């Protein structure tokens, strides 16, 4: 009898719940590498079949790539913010205001170089302001982001005026397009971020802070310094993305940057990175995730799904992936997220 009971208990102990099985799959080191690639491939195949091959047209692929570069540039930079456990959803508003002031600078000076430098400088300044409000005033980054999103949006609307947009000479956009500025700038920034993030002390400190802020503090790592670095790195990416956005449409409008914050977060989790930071953070998830988000947006529109319904689908996917991909600390005290 005792032997039977022991055997029964052993079988019960060995039985894994569906949550345990899911965690085993999620914690596998190959999961984060393969899951995003498989999801992108399956999505492309589904949309290709659903649109009778129209999804594979060159014009459609170019449109997806153009949108993915904007999202990917922002997501690559925002990885630095996410890695140490912070969250900023004001990216779209920052991009919109930076693009507005950049186009205005060009219209005054007629200099493309001034436009690019002004756009990046404004984005850097705005992200530095966000960071200062958080570090100096001890306000949660997400709270700061919610407030400044409204402020930056209002300023952009006032600067643009009643017309709703400010045009940029099409010859300027065409010149930058023909010179391949977007691709050179994006890959230069992407490589720079990967090197800083994965091969320097700065990147290691950011991931350590995201994994466990209390333990990181015991080693002497400065949370304030790391936060400023992460926001400034993001500022450069958002500034470049603002230039890319202007090149796409030869104008800036009150809608520029709208919904970008959600796209960036979705690209991050679709690329296999947790928005809660920690050791799983990386600088390249945003690129793969951006391609997936751009393909998802375009594919759903091509099959006739309404814009409102697309937002709902993206929200469901985002929540599902955050649940699957977020780290759960069980032993050591970790950062309080909200």
Protein backbone atom coordinates (compact mmCIF):
# COMPACT_ATOMS: atom_id res chain seq x y z
CA UNK A 1 0.00 0.00 0.00
CA UNK A 2 2.75 2.46 0.97
CA UNK A 3 4.68 1.70 -2.21
CA UNK A 4 1.51 2.32 -4.27
CA UNK A 5 0.92 5.65 -2.52
CA UNK A 6 4.53 6.71 -3.08
CA UNK A 7 4.27 5.81 -6.78
CA UNK A 8 1.00 7.76 -7.10
CA UNK A 9 2.48 10.83 -5.39
CA UNK A 10 5.52 10.71 -7.63
CA UNK A 11 3.34 10.71 -10.74
CA UNK A 12 1.32 13.63 -9.40
CA UNK A 13 4.48 15.55 -8.57
CA UNK A 14 5.84 14.97 -12.05
CA UNK A 15 2.62 16.17 -13.68
CA UNK A 16 3.04 19.66 -15.09
CA UNK A 17 0.25 22.18 -15.48
CA UNK A 18 -0.22 23.99 -18.79
CA UNK A 19 1.33 27.09 -17.19
CA UNK A 20 4.44 25.13 -16.26
CA UNK A 21 4.70 23.74 -19.77
CA UNK A 22 4.31 27.21 -21.24
CA UNK A 23 7.07 28.55 -18.96
CA UNK A 24 9.39 25.72 -20.01
CA UNK A 25 8.87 26.64 -23.67
CA UNK A 26 9.16 30.37 -22.98
CA UNK A 27 12.39 29.95 -20.99
CA UNK A 28 14.06 27.87 -23.70
CA UNK A 29 17.03 29.84 -25.06
CA UNK A 30 15.98 29.13 -28.66
CA UNK A 31 12.42 30.36 -28.17
CA UNK A 32 13.24 34.07 -28.34
CA UNK A 33 15.34 33.54 -31.47
CA UNK A 34 12.93 31.34 -33.44
CA UNK A 35 9.49 32.56 -32.38
CA UNK A 36 9.71 36.06 -33.98
CA UNK A 37 11.09 34.64 -37.24
CA UNK A 38 8.42 31.93 -37.43
CA UNK A 39 5.66 34.46 -36.66
CA UNK A 40 6.86 36.82 -39.42
CA UNK A 41 7.13 33.99 -41.96
CA UNK A 42 3.66 32.64 -41.12
CA UNK A 43 2.14 36.12 -41.27
CA UNK A 44 3.63 36.84 -44.69
CA UNK A 45 2.38 33.49 -45.99
CA UNK A 46 -1.15 34.08 -44.67
CA UNK A 47 -1.41 37.57 -46.14
CA UNK A 48 0.08 36.39 -49.42
CA UNK A 49 -2.63 33.74 -49.75
CA UNK A 50 -5.41 36.04 -48.49
CA UNK A 51 -4.57 38.74 -51.05
CA UNK A 52 -4.02 36.31 -53.94
CA UNK A 53 -0.36 37.29 -54.18
CA UNK A 54 -0.89 41.07 -54.19
CA UNK A 55 0.92 41.27 -50.84
CA UNK A 56 4.17 40.31 -52.60
CA UNK A 57 4.12 43.20 -55.09
CA UNK A 58 7.26 45.34 -55.11
CA UNK A 59 5.33 48.51 -54.24
CA UNK A 60 3.78 46.80 -51.21
CA UNK A 61 7.15 45.48 -50.05
CA UNK A 62 8.68 48.95 -50.38
CA UNK A 63 5.86 50.44 -48.34
CA UNK A 64 6.35 47.85 -45.61
CA UNK A 65 10.12 48.46 -45.56
CA UNK A 66 9.67 52.24 -45.35
CA UNK A 67 7.33 51.91 -42.37
CA UNK A 68 9.51 49.25 -40.75
CA UNK A 69 12.57 51.51 -40.87
CA UNK A 70 10.74 54.23 -38.94
CA UNK A 71 9.40 51.81 -36.33
CA UNK A 72 12.66 49.84 -36.20
CA UNK A 73 14.81 52.92 -35.63
CA UNK A 74 12.63 54.00 -32.71
CA UNK A 75 12.39 50.48 -31.31
CA UNK A 76 16.16 50.00 -31.45
CA UNK A 77 16.64 53.15 -29.40
CA UNK A 78 13.78 52.48 -27.00
CA UNK A 79 15.37 49.13 -26.16
CA UNK A 80 17.80 51.11 -24.01
CA UNK A 81 14.90 52.56 -22.00
CA UNK A 82 13.08 49.25 -21.69
CA UNK A 83 16.23 47.39 -20.69
CA UNK A 84 16.54 49.08 -17.30
CA UNK A 85 12.87 48.66 -16.50
CA UNK A 86 11.53 52.06 -17.59
CA UNK A 87 8.68 52.73 -19.99
CA UNK A 88 8.10 55.76 -22.24
CA UNK A 89 5.10 56.00 -24.56
CA UNK A 90 5.72 59.59 -25.68
CA UNK A 91 7.87 58.50 -28.65
CA UNK A 92 5.22 59.41 -31.22
CA UNK A 93 4.68 62.90 -29.78
CA UNK A 94 8.45 63.51 -29.60
CA UNK A 95 8.84 62.42 -33.22
CA UNK A 96 5.97 64.65 -34.33
CA UNK A 97 7.35 67.78 -32.65
CA UNK A 98 10.92 67.08 -33.78
CA UNK A 99 9.76 66.60 -37.38
CA UNK A 100 7.72 69.81 -37.23
CA UNK A 101 10.62 71.93 -36.01
CA UNK A 102 12.99 70.22 -38.46
CA UNK A 103 10.81 71.08 -41.46
CA UNK A 104 10.41 74.65 -40.19
CA UNK A 105 14.20 74.92 -39.87
CA UNK A 106 14.58 73.81 -43.49
CA UNK A 107 11.98 76.28 -44.72
CA UNK A 108 13.93 79.09 -43.03
CA UNK A 109 17.48 78.04 -43.99
CA UNK A 110 16.87 75.92 -47.13
CA UNK A 111 19.57 73.57 -45.77
CA UNK A 112 19.01 69.83 -45.60
CA UNK A 113 21.89 69.45 -43.13
CA UNK A 114 20.31 72.01 -40.79
CA UNK A 115 16.98 70.20 -41.05
CA UNK A 116 18.50 66.85 -40.10
CA UNK A 117 20.60 68.27 -37.26
CA UNK A 118 17.71 70.33 -35.92
CA UNK A 119 15.35 67.35 -35.96
CA UNK A 120 17.78 65.10 -34.09
CA UNK A 121 18.70 67.88 -31.65
CA UNK A 122 15.04 68.55 -30.80
CA UNK A 123 14.38 64.85 -30.22
CA UNK A 124 17.45 64.63 -27.99
CA UNK A 125 16.34 67.67 -26.01
CA UNK A 126 12.80 66.38 -25.51
CA UNK A 127 13.96 62.94 -24.38
CA UNK A 128 16.49 64.58 -22.04
CA UNK A 129 13.65 66.64 -20.57
CA UNK A 130 11.54 63.50 -20.05
CA UNK A 131 14.46 61.85 -18.28
CA UNK A 132 15.17 64.89 -16.10
CA UNK A 133 11.56 65.04 -14.94
CA UNK A 134 11.83 61.39 -13.91
CA UNK A 135 15.30 61.43 -12.33
CA UNK A 136 15.27 64.83 -10.65
CA UNK A 137 11.59 65.02 -9.68
CA UNK A 138 11.30 61.28 -8.91
CA UNK A 139 8.27 60.83 -11.18
CA UNK A 140 7.71 57.47 -12.84
CA UNK A 141 8.77 57.58 -16.50
CA UNK A 142 5.38 56.30 -17.64
CA UNK A 143 3.66 59.14 -15.77
CA UNK A 144 5.96 61.72 -17.34
CA UNK A 145 5.33 60.20 -20.77
CA UNK A 146 1.55 60.44 -20.43
CA UNK A 147 1.73 64.13 -19.52
CA UNK A 148 4.33 65.25 -22.07
CA UNK A 149 2.54 63.41 -24.87
CA UNK A 150 -0.31 65.87 -24.50
CA UNK A 151 2.04 68.85 -24.20
CA UNK A 152 4.19 67.97 -27.23
CA UNK A 153 1.11 67.19 -29.29
CA UNK A 154 -0.43 70.56 -28.45
CA UNK A 155 2.79 72.41 -29.36
CA UNK A 156 2.99 70.58 -32.71
CA UNK A 157 -0.62 71.48 -33.50
CA UNK A 158 0.02 75.17 -32.72
CA UNK A 159 3.19 75.26 -34.85
CA UNK A 160 1.56 73.54 -37.82
CA UNK A 161 -1.48 75.80 -37.71
CA UNK A 162 -4.88 75.56 -39.33
CA UNK A 163 -3.69 73.93 -42.55
CA UNK A 164 -3.00 70.70 -40.67
CA UNK A 165 0.38 70.15 -42.31
CA UNK A 166 3.63 71.79 -43.42
CA UNK A 167 4.98 70.72 -46.81
CA UNK A 168 8.59 69.95 -47.56
CA UNK A 169 9.88 70.41 -51.09
CA UNK A 170 9.46 67.09 -52.89
CA UNK A 171 12.87 67.57 -54.50
CA UNK A 172 14.47 67.45 -51.05
CA UNK A 173 12.68 64.23 -50.08
CA UNK A 174 13.51 62.71 -53.48
CA UNK A 175 17.17 63.65 -53.12
CA UNK A 176 17.46 62.02 -49.70
CA UNK A 177 15.55 59.00 -51.01
CA UNK A 178 17.78 58.61 -54.07
CA UNK A 179 20.95 59.00 -51.99
CA UNK A 180 19.86 56.15 -49.75
CA UNK A 181 20.10 58.38 -46.68
CA UNK A 182 17.50 56.37 -44.76
CA UNK A 183 19.27 53.05 -45.17
CA UNK A 184 22.76 54.37 -44.41
CA UNK A 185 21.56 56.31 -41.36
CA UNK A 186 19.45 53.45 -40.05
CA UNK A 187 22.09 50.73 -40.34
CA UNK A 188 24.77 53.05 -38.96
CA UNK A 189 22.60 53.79 -35.93
CA UNK A 190 21.58 50.14 -35.59
CA UNK A 191 25.18 48.88 -35.57
CA UNK A 192 26.19 51.61 -33.11
CA UNK A 193 23.38 50.59 -30.75
CA UNK A 194 24.21 46.89 -30.95
CA UNK A 195 27.88 47.57 -30.13
CA UNK A 196 27.05 49.84 -27.18
CA UNK A 197 24.33 47.53 -25.89
CA UNK A 198 26.05 44.17 -26.16
CA UNK A 199 29.79 44.87 -26.05
CA UNK A 200 30.26 47.67 -23.53
CA UNK A 201 29.91 48.18 -19.81
CA UNK A 202 26.99 50.56 -20.39
CA UNK A 203 24.84 47.85 -21.93
CA UNK A 204 25.66 45.38 -19.16
CA UNK A 205 24.72 47.94 -16.51
CA UNK A 206 21.40 48.70 -18.19
CA UNK A 207 20.43 45.02 -18.32
CA UNK A 208 21.55 44.51 -14.73
CA UNK A 209 19.38 47.42 -13.56
CA UNK A 210 16.39 46.05 -15.43
CA UNK A 211 16.91 42.60 -13.99
CA UNK A 212 17.19 43.73 -10.38
CA UNK A 213 17.55 47.38 -9.42
CA UNK A 214 18.28 46.66 -5.75
CA UNK A 215 21.17 44.31 -6.48
CA UNK A 216 22.56 46.68 -9.11
CA UNK A 217 22.57 49.52 -6.57
CA UNK A 218 24.64 47.38 -4.20
CA UNK A 219 27.38 47.12 -6.83
CA UNK A 220 27.63 50.89 -7.19
CA UNK A 221 25.82 51.25 -10.53
CA UNK A 222 24.26 54.70 -10.91
CA UNK A 223 20.62 54.43 -11.88
CA UNK A 224 20.43 58.14 -12.79
CA UNK A 225 23.43 57.95 -15.11
CA UNK A 226 22.14 54.81 -16.82
CA UNK A 227 18.70 56.37 -17.26
CA UNK A 228 20.13 59.48 -18.92
CA UNK A 229 22.22 57.35 -21.28
CA UNK A 230 19.20 55.24 -22.25
CA UNK A 231 17.01 58.28 -22.96
CA UNK A 232 19.69 60.07 -24.99
CA UNK A 233 20.37 56.97 -27.08
CA UNK A 234 16.64 56.78 -27.74
CA UNK A 235 16.56 60.48 -28.62
CA UNK A 236 19.00 59.98 -31.47
CA UNK A 237 16.88 57.16 -32.89
CA UNK A 238 13.63 59.10 -32.62
CA UNK A 239 15.26 62.10 -34.31
CA UNK A 240 16.43 59.97 -37.23
CA UNK A 241 13.03 58.32 -37.47
CA UNK A 242 11.44 61.79 -37.62
CA UNK A 243 13.61 62.62 -40.64
CA UNK A 244 12.65 59.30 -42.27
CA UNK A 245 8.98 60.07 -41.66
CA UNK A 246 9.27 63.47 -43.37
CA UNK A 247 11.06 61.88 -46.33
CA UNK A 248 8.21 59.37 -46.75
CA UNK A 249 5.47 61.93 -47.31
CA UNK A 250 7.37 65.19 -48.04
CA UNK A 251 5.45 66.86 -45.23
CA UNK A 252 4.73 66.90 -41.52
CA UNK A 253 1.19 66.98 -40.15
CA UNK A 254 -0.68 66.84 -36.87
CA UNK A 255 -0.98 63.07 -37.43
CA UNK A 256 2.79 62.52 -37.74
CA UNK A 257 3.90 60.04 -35.09
CA UNK A 258 0.33 59.11 -34.16
CA UNK A 259 0.16 55.57 -32.81
CA UNK A 260 3.93 55.13 -32.98
CA UNK A 261 4.30 54.44 -29.27
CA UNK A 262 2.05 51.39 -29.55
CA UNK A 263 3.83 50.25 -32.72
CA UNK A 264 7.21 50.46 -30.97
CA UNK A 265 6.04 48.47 -27.95
CA UNK A 266 4.42 45.88 -30.19
CA UNK A 267 7.58 45.65 -32.32
CA UNK A 268 9.65 45.13 -29.18
CA UNK A 269 7.63 42.17 -27.91
CA UNK A 270 7.16 40.72 -31.41
CA UNK A 271 10.94 40.83 -31.77
CA UNK A 272 11.33 38.66 -28.68
CA UNK A 273 12.24 41.22 -26.00
CA UNK A 274 10.44 41.95 -22.76
CA UNK A 275 9.42 45.59 -22.22
CA UNK A 276 10.16 45.03 -18.53
CA UNK A 277 13.92 44.80 -19.13
CA UNK A 278 16.41 42.39 -17.61
CA UNK A 279 18.84 39.87 -19.04
CA UNK A 280 16.61 39.05 -22.00
CA UNK A 281 16.87 42.57 -23.37
CA UNK A 282 18.65 43.13 -26.67
CA UNK A 283 19.13 45.87 -29.25
CA UNK A 284 18.12 43.92 -32.34
CA UNK A 285 14.62 42.74 -31.41
CA UNK A 286 13.10 45.99 -32.62
CA UNK A 287 14.27 45.50 -36.20
CA UNK A 288 12.65 42.10 -36.62
CA UNK A 289 9.58 43.20 -34.69
CA UNK A 290 9.24 46.34 -36.83
CA UNK A 291 9.07 44.24 -40.00
CA UNK A 292 6.34 42.14 -38.38
CA UNK A 293 4.32 45.18 -37.26
CA UNK A 294 4.59 46.88 -40.66
CA UNK A 295 3.58 43.66 -42.43
CA UNK A 296 0.67 43.17 -40.00
CA UNK A 297 -0.63 46.71 -40.54
CA UNK A 298 -0.36 46.51 -44.32
CA UNK A 299 -1.72 43.00 -44.59
CA UNK A 300 -4.79 43.69 -42.48
CA UNK A 301 -5.58 46.80 -44.53
CA UNK A 302 -5.21 44.86 -47.79
CA UNK A 303 -7.66 42.18 -46.70
CA UNK A 304 -10.23 44.86 -45.86
CA UNK A 305 -9.98 45.10 -42.08
CA UNK A 306 -11.01 48.52 -40.74
CA UNK A 307 -8.47 50.73 -38.97
CA UNK A 308 -10.42 50.59 -35.70
CA UNK A 309 -10.49 46.80 -35.75
CA UNK A 310 -6.76 46.70 -36.54
CA UNK A 311 -6.07 48.65 -33.35
CA UNK A 312 -8.04 46.05 -31.40
CA UNK A 313 -6.17 43.14 -33.00
CA UNK A 314 -2.82 44.76 -32.24
CA UNK A 315 -3.85 45.34 -28.65
CA UNK A 316 -4.81 41.71 -28.14
CA UNK A 317 -1.54 40.50 -29.70
CA UNK A 318 0.43 42.92 -27.54
CA UNK A 319 -1.17 41.78 -24.29
CA UNK A 320 -0.72 38.12 -25.20
CA UNK A 321 2.96 38.54 -26.03
CA UNK A 322 3.68 40.66 -22.95
CA UNK A 323 2.13 37.92 -20.83
CA UNK A 324 4.16 35.22 -22.57
CA UNK A 325 7.43 37.12 -22.71
CA UNK A 326 7.61 39.08 -19.45
CA UNK A 327 10.10 37.96 -16.84
CA UNK A 328 8.75 36.87 -13.50
CA UNK A 329 11.11 37.32 -10.55
CA UNK A 330 10.50 34.71 -7.86
CA UNK A 331 13.50 34.91 -5.55
CA UNK A 332 15.09 38.34 -5.61
CA UNK A 333 13.31 41.68 -5.16
CA UNK A 334 12.97 43.48 -8.47
CA UNK A 335 11.98 46.93 -9.71
CA UNK A 336 8.43 48.10 -9.11
CA UNK A 337 7.14 48.71 -12.63
CA UNK A 338 4.17 51.01 -12.01
